[in-house]
Structures are given as structure tokens and as C-alpha cells.
Protein backbone atom coordinates (compact mmCIF):
# COMPACT_ATOMS: atom_id res chain seq x y z
CA MET A 1 107.71 95.77 93.84
CA ASP A 2 110.61 96.45 91.08
CA ILE A 3 111.94 100.43 91.19
CA GLU A 4 113.06 100.41 87.65
CA LYS A 5 109.59 99.41 87.12
CA PHE A 6 108.13 101.85 89.17
CA ILE A 7 110.10 104.56 88.46
CA SER A 8 109.11 104.21 85.05
CA GLU A 9 105.08 103.88 85.42
CA LEU A 10 105.63 107.00 87.52
CA ALA A 11 107.64 108.26 84.50
CA ASP A 12 104.61 108.11 82.78
CA GLN A 13 102.58 110.10 84.63
CA TYR A 14 104.19 112.79 83.14
CA ASP A 15 103.55 113.93 80.25
CA ASP A 16 105.52 117.01 79.12
CA ILE A 17 108.46 116.48 79.99
CA ASP A 18 111.33 113.91 79.61
CA THR A 19 111.83 111.15 82.76
CA SER A 20 114.82 109.21 80.86
CA GLY A 21 116.32 110.56 82.75
CA PHE A 22 114.92 109.39 86.13
CA THR A 23 116.80 106.99 88.87
CA SER A 24 115.12 106.60 91.92
CA GLU A 25 116.76 109.88 93.34
CA THR A 26 114.96 111.75 90.82
CA LEU A 27 113.15 115.39 93.33
CA PHE A 28 110.19 114.03 91.11
CA LYS A 29 107.94 117.57 92.22
CA GLU A 30 110.71 118.95 90.82
CA ASN A 31 109.77 120.11 87.13
CA GLU A 32 107.80 122.73 84.91
CA GLU A 33 105.35 119.53 84.91
CA TRP A 34 104.40 118.99 88.69
CA SER A 35 100.50 120.14 89.61
CA SER A 36 98.01 118.24 91.71
CA MET A 37 96.43 116.12 89.02
CA THR A 38 100.76 115.21 88.66
CA ALA A 39 100.14 114.50 91.80
CA LEU A 40 96.34 112.17 91.61
CA SER A 41 98.21 110.56 88.73
CA ILE A 42 100.15 109.21 90.83
CA ILE A 43 97.94 108.52 93.54
CA ALA A 44 94.95 106.49 91.06
CA MET A 45 98.52 105.01 89.47
CA VAL A 46 99.90 103.35 92.77
CA ASP A 47 96.10 102.06 93.98
CA ASP A 48 96.30 100.57 90.38
CA SER A 49 99.43 98.90 90.16
CA TYR A 50 99.74 97.83 93.55
CA SER A 51 96.85 98.56 95.22
CA VAL A 52 97.89 100.88 97.67
CA ARG A 53 96.21 103.85 98.87
CA LEU A 54 98.28 107.00 99.19
CA THR A 55 97.13 109.91 100.99
CA GLY A 56 98.41 114.47 99.50
CA ASP A 57 100.43 113.68 102.72
CA ASP A 58 102.27 110.81 101.22
CA ILE A 59 103.01 112.89 98.20
CA ARG A 60 104.35 115.84 100.31
CA LYS A 61 107.23 114.67 102.58
CA SER A 62 108.39 112.86 99.37
CA GLN A 63 111.05 114.40 98.38
CA THR A 64 112.28 111.51 95.61
CA ILE A 65 111.27 109.20 93.59
CA GLN A 66 112.25 106.22 96.07
CA ASP A 67 110.77 108.02 98.63
CA ILE A 68 106.97 107.20 96.61
CA TYR A 69 108.52 104.02 96.44
CA ASN A 70 108.90 102.76 100.06
CA ILE A 71 105.67 104.53 100.83
CA VAL A 72 103.88 102.32 98.66
CA PHE A 73 106.54 99.13 99.87
CA SER A 74 106.00 99.54 103.43
CA LYS A 75 102.00 99.95 103.04
CA SER A 76 102.12 96.93 99.66
CA THR A 77 100.68 93.88 101.78
CA VAL A 78 101.94 92.24 97.89
């Protein structure tokens, strides 16, 4: 699993903000577009792309994109 690809896929879940500066240390919930719908989009993207089920708790306890990536990586069987 490649972090750069993951960042790109996560950034694609945002429609109305500039995500070109997203890095592994980006606080992905700290922007005006963040909502429960964005969280659901990220959960669905991870399920579709990585066959990993994220929970609401996984999202809540994560601050950075790296945090989410680490959870997905730890749950991944690939």
C-alpha cells in the first residue's frame, strides 16, 4: 500500500477545497468541507479500494491522513 496513492484517493473525497497541499501530516478534518458525509465517503473509498472496513471510531480517533493510513494498513490483509 502506497501512502501517496492513499493521500490522492482520500483527497478525491473533497470537492470544494484545494487538496493539492495534502500530505501525510494534513489534519484532514480541519477544513470547511469536513462533514459526516465526507467521513462516509472516506469509509466507502477505503472499503472499495482496500477492502478494509473503517469505523466511525477509527475516523474519530484519527487526526492526520497518516493516522487513517496506519489504521487501514493495520487492518489490511494485502
